[in-house]
Amino acid sequence: MTSVILWLSKIKELSLSLIFNLSPAGLVQEEYDLIVDKLLQGCLIIYPTETFYGLGGVASSVTVAQKIFELKGRESGKPLPFVASDLDMVLRLVEEPSPLFFRLVEHFWPGSLTVVLRAKDKALPETILGPNGTIAVRIPPLDWLRQIIKKIDCLLISTSANFSGQPPLSSFQEVLEIFKGKVDVIINGGETPGEKPSTIIDLTSPEPVCLREGKIPLSEIWKVLVDE
């Protein structure tokens, strides 16, 4: 395996994407190491999530974010969503959340709930934050993905792997046809569940606001919020 990984690491000159096939057990150590190394170098990655394929890179780099905007044809300055490895990572980066936040994440994290919170000053580059210094983040239910995020010790950008205005992709073959050679790393997770993206709840105001109803029905969200 080590010799294969070393060979893969030398094909950068060919402008090809490194492709990793995700097994039911996840990834092997050499694969984790190479993916993490690529991310820390500022490379872009496409990876399967519990909904669709995501496109990302380290959230601490303005250059990485700009490359993602350019690749997707996404409007510059449009907020990017992120995924975290665990609750501690989120709490390091955001202002003191409300009790409603803890109630929600206790029920829905890891999972398909994205929450919008106010970021701490200088927690992330200002240019990639949302309006008024906000951050949209979730903890994914995929253990191998959380391990990658933990190893880079930084939020991972998690926008949909598609061109702006086009539907998100759940098919690995479509991902390959569109993005092979355009990103540095692609993780093959086969067909993802698709259907709906994560549900987004804004917790930056006195009352929670649903910005997008997705995989988690809004009725389940409100039930948790009003349950004493």
Protein backbone atom coordinates (compact mmCIF):
# COMPACT_ATOMS: atom_id res chain seq x y z
CA MET A 1 0.00 0.00 0.00
CA THR A 2 2.81 2.40 0.88
CA SER A 3 4.42 1.99 -2.54
CA VAL A 4 1.08 2.67 -4.24
CA ILE A 5 0.57 5.83 -2.20
CA LEU A 6 4.08 7.03 -2.99
CA TRP A 7 3.43 6.47 -6.68
CA LEU A 8 0.14 8.37 -6.46
CA SER A 9 1.87 11.28 -4.79
CA LYS A 10 4.12 11.68 -7.82
CA ILE A 11 1.40 12.13 -10.43
CA LYS A 12 0.77 15.78 -9.58
CA GLU A 13 2.73 16.80 -12.66
CA LEU A 14 0.12 15.07 -14.83
CA SER A 15 -2.64 17.33 -13.50
CA LEU A 16 -4.73 14.32 -12.52
CA SER A 17 -6.94 13.95 -9.48
CA LEU A 18 -5.89 11.48 -6.81
CA ILE A 19 -8.84 9.09 -6.44
CA PHE A 20 -9.48 7.05 -3.30
CA ASN A 21 -12.10 4.31 -3.12
CA LEU A 22 -13.92 4.41 0.19
CA SER A 23 -14.45 0.97 1.71
CA PRO A 24 -17.06 0.08 4.36
CA ALA A 25 -14.22 0.36 6.89
CA GLY A 26 -13.32 3.86 5.69
CA LEU A 27 -9.74 4.66 4.67
CA VAL A 28 -6.37 3.16 5.59
CA GLN A 29 -3.78 5.20 7.48
CA GLU A 30 -1.64 5.94 4.40
CA GLU A 31 -4.69 7.33 2.62
CA TYR A 32 -5.62 9.53 5.57
CA ASP A 33 -2.06 10.83 5.71
CA LEU A 34 -1.90 11.70 2.01
CA ILE A 35 -5.35 13.35 1.97
CA VAL A 36 -4.50 15.42 5.06
CA ASP A 37 -1.16 16.41 3.55
CA LYS A 38 -2.88 17.57 0.36
CA LEU A 39 -5.46 19.58 2.28
CA LEU A 40 -2.79 21.28 4.38
CA GLN A 41 -1.02 22.23 1.15
CA GLY A 42 -4.15 24.11 0.06
CA CYS A 43 -5.54 21.47 -2.30
CA LEU A 44 -9.22 20.97 -3.13
CA ILE A 45 -11.12 17.78 -2.34
CA ILE A 46 -14.43 16.27 -3.42
CA TYR A 47 -15.91 13.79 -0.98
CA PRO A 48 -19.18 11.95 -0.30
CA THR A 49 -21.42 13.13 2.51
CA GLU A 50 -24.63 11.75 4.02
CA THR A 51 -26.55 13.72 1.38
CA PHE A 52 -24.58 14.69 -1.75
CA TYR A 53 -20.94 15.01 -2.80
CA GLY A 54 -19.19 17.97 -1.21
CA LEU A 55 -16.42 20.21 -2.50
CA GLY A 56 -14.00 21.61 0.03
CA GLY A 57 -10.63 22.54 1.42
CA VAL A 58 -9.26 24.03 4.62
CA ALA A 59 -11.43 26.86 5.90
CA SER A 60 -8.46 28.83 7.19
CA SER A 61 -7.26 29.71 3.67
CA VAL A 62 -8.69 32.59 1.66
CA THR A 63 -6.87 31.21 -1.38
CA VAL A 64 -8.62 27.85 -1.05
CA ALA A 65 -12.00 29.55 -0.75
CA GLN A 66 -11.27 31.65 -3.83
CA LYS A 67 -10.33 28.55 -5.83
CA ILE A 68 -13.67 27.00 -4.86
CA PHE A 69 -15.58 30.13 -5.90
CA GLU A 70 -13.81 30.15 -9.26
CA LEU A 71 -14.28 26.42 -9.89
CA LYS A 72 -18.00 26.51 -9.12
CA GLY A 73 -18.63 29.85 -10.80
CA ARG A 74 -20.08 30.87 -7.45
CA GLU A 75 -20.78 34.51 -6.69
CA SER A 76 -17.82 35.93 -4.76
CA GLY A 77 -18.68 36.66 -1.16
CA LYS A 78 -21.59 34.20 -1.00
CA PRO A 79 -21.23 32.43 2.37
CA LEU A 80 -19.70 28.97 2.41
CA PRO A 81 -20.86 26.15 4.71
CA PHE A 82 -18.43 24.12 6.80
CA VAL A 83 -18.15 20.78 8.57
CA ALA A 84 -16.42 20.20 11.90
CA SER A 85 -14.93 17.13 13.56
CA ASP A 86 -16.64 17.61 16.92
CA LEU A 87 -18.43 20.05 19.20
CA ASP A 88 -15.19 21.28 20.76
CA MET A 89 -13.94 22.47 17.36
CA VAL A 90 -17.15 24.43 16.83
CA LEU A 91 -17.05 26.00 20.29
CA ARG A 92 -13.47 27.17 19.76
CA LEU A 93 -14.60 29.24 16.79
CA VAL A 94 -17.97 30.71 17.75
CA GLU A 95 -19.29 33.14 20.33
CA GLU A 96 -21.12 31.66 23.31
CA PRO A 97 -24.11 29.81 21.79
CA SER A 98 -27.59 29.96 23.25
CA PRO A 99 -29.20 27.07 25.17
CA LEU A 100 -31.25 26.40 22.02
CA PHE A 101 -28.04 25.54 20.19
CA PHE A 102 -27.08 22.87 22.71
CA ARG A 103 -30.61 21.48 22.68
CA LEU A 104 -30.55 21.13 18.90
CA VAL A 105 -27.08 19.66 18.51
CA GLU A 106 -27.69 17.16 21.31
CA HIS A 107 -30.48 15.73 19.18
CA PHE A 108 -29.19 16.19 15.64
CA TRP A 109 -25.37 16.10 15.68
CA PRO A 110 -23.64 14.32 14.14
CA GLY A 111 -26.14 14.70 11.33
CA SER A 112 -27.70 16.81 8.62
CA LEU A 113 -28.34 19.95 10.65
CA THR A 114 -26.39 23.08 9.75
CA VAL A 115 -26.54 25.89 12.30
CA VAL A 116 -25.61 29.51 11.70
CA LEU A 117 -23.71 31.11 14.58
CA ARG A 118 -21.60 34.21 15.16
CA ALA A 119 -17.91 33.52 14.73
CA LYS A 120 -15.36 34.74 17.24
CA ASP A 121 -13.19 37.62 16.13
CA LYS A 122 -10.41 36.36 13.83
CA ALA A 123 -11.58 32.75 14.14
CA LEU A 124 -11.63 32.51 10.35
CA PRO A 125 -10.70 34.87 7.52
CA GLU A 126 -13.31 37.60 7.42
CA THR A 127 -13.80 37.25 3.67
CA ILE A 128 -15.19 33.72 3.95
CA LEU A 129 -17.62 34.40 6.78
CA GLY A 130 -21.30 35.07 6.26
CA PRO A 131 -23.11 38.37 6.89
CA ASN A 132 -22.14 40.06 10.17
CA GLY A 133 -19.39 37.55 10.80
CA THR A 134 -21.51 34.42 10.86
CA ILE A 135 -20.58 30.82 10.24
CA ALA A 136 -22.74 27.93 8.97
CA VAL A 137 -21.48 24.61 10.33
CA ARG A 138 -22.49 21.04 11.03
CA ILE A 139 -20.86 17.84 12.30
CA PRO A 140 -21.29 15.07 9.70
CA PRO A 141 -22.30 11.54 10.73
CA LEU A 142 -19.45 9.94 8.73
CA ASP A 143 -16.65 8.82 11.03
CA TRP A 144 -13.93 8.77 8.34
CA LEU A 145 -14.78 12.35 7.35
CA ARG A 146 -14.67 13.56 10.95
CA GLN A 147 -11.25 11.88 11.28
CA ILE A 148 -9.91 13.85 8.30
CA ILE A 149 -11.23 17.11 9.76
CA LYS A 150 -9.74 16.30 13.15
CA LYS A 151 -6.35 15.59 11.56
CA ILE A 152 -6.27 18.92 9.71
CA ASP A 153 -7.41 20.61 12.95
CA CYS A 154 -9.51 23.06 10.97
CA LEU A 155 -13.03 23.33 9.63
CA LEU A 156 -13.49 21.85 6.17
CA ILE A 157 -15.41 23.81 3.55
CA SER A 158 -18.44 21.76 2.54
CA THR A 159 -20.21 23.34 -0.41
CA SER A 160 -21.98 21.10 -2.93
CA ALA A 161 -19.80 19.60 -5.67
CA ASN A 162 -21.48 21.19 -8.67
CA PHE A 163 -21.34 24.26 -10.83
CA SER A 164 -23.32 27.22 -9.52
CA GLY A 165 -26.97 26.97 -10.51
CA GLN A 166 -26.76 23.24 -11.23
CA PRO A 167 -28.25 20.49 -9.02
CA PRO A 168 -26.02 18.83 -6.42
CA LEU A 169 -24.47 15.50 -7.38
CA SER A 170 -25.04 12.11 -5.73
CA SER A 171 -23.43 10.02 -8.50
CA PHE A 172 -19.69 9.38 -8.35
CA GLN A 173 -19.59 8.87 -12.13
CA GLU A 174 -21.06 12.33 -12.68
CA VAL A 175 -18.58 13.79 -10.20
CA LEU A 176 -15.75 12.12 -12.10
CA GLU A 177 -16.96 13.31 -15.50
CA ILE A 178 -17.27 16.91 -14.34
CA PHE A 179 -14.39 17.35 -11.90
CA LYS A 180 -11.63 14.86 -12.72
CA GLY A 181 -8.47 16.89 -13.22
CA LYS A 182 -10.07 20.02 -11.79
CA VAL A 183 -9.56 19.14 -8.12
CA ASP A 184 -6.62 17.49 -6.38
CA VAL A 185 -8.39 14.70 -4.49
CA ILE A 186 -11.63 12.80 -5.11
CA ILE A 187 -13.01 10.23 -2.67
CA ASN A 188 -15.24 7.63 -4.30
CA GLY A 189 -18.13 6.77 -2.04
CA GLY A 190 -20.35 5.41 -4.80
CA GLU A 191 -23.90 6.70 -4.90
CA THR A 192 -24.74 8.98 -1.96
CA PRO A 193 -28.27 9.14 -0.45
CA GLY A 194 -29.05 12.44 -2.20
CA GLU A 195 -32.68 13.54 -1.91
CA LYS A 196 -32.30 16.64 0.26
CA PRO A 197 -29.37 18.68 1.62
CA SER A 198 -28.93 19.55 5.29
CA THR A 199 -31.50 21.65 7.11
CA ILE A 200 -30.18 25.12 8.00
CA ILE A 201 -31.23 26.93 11.19
CA ASP A 202 -30.02 30.46 11.94
CA LEU A 203 -29.42 30.96 15.66
CA THR A 204 -27.96 34.46 15.52
CA SER A 205 -31.23 36.21 16.37
CA PRO A 206 -33.35 36.00 19.52
CA GLU A 207 -35.66 33.57 17.70
CA PRO A 208 -34.37 30.70 15.52
CA VAL A 209 -35.01 31.06 11.80
CA CYS A 210 -35.14 28.23 9.26
CA LEU A 211 -33.11 29.23 6.20
CA ARG A 212 -33.60 25.89 4.44
CA GLU A 213 -35.69 22.84 5.22
CA GLY A 214 -33.70 19.82 4.14
CA LYS A 215 -33.10 16.27 5.24
CA ILE A 216 -34.32 16.91 8.80
CA PRO A 217 -37.99 17.97 8.67
CA LEU A 218 -38.74 21.35 10.17
CA SER A 219 -41.43 19.76 12.34
CA GLU A 220 -38.71 17.73 14.12
CA ILE A 221 -36.65 20.86 14.68
CA TRP A 222 -39.49 22.81 16.23
CA LYS A 223 -40.46 19.86 18.40
CA VAL A 224 -37.00 19.85 19.97
CA LEU A 225 -36.96 23.62 20.35
CA VAL A 226 -40.26 23.82 22.19
CA ASP A 227 -39.79 20.66 24.25
CA GLU A 228 -39.02 21.64 27.84
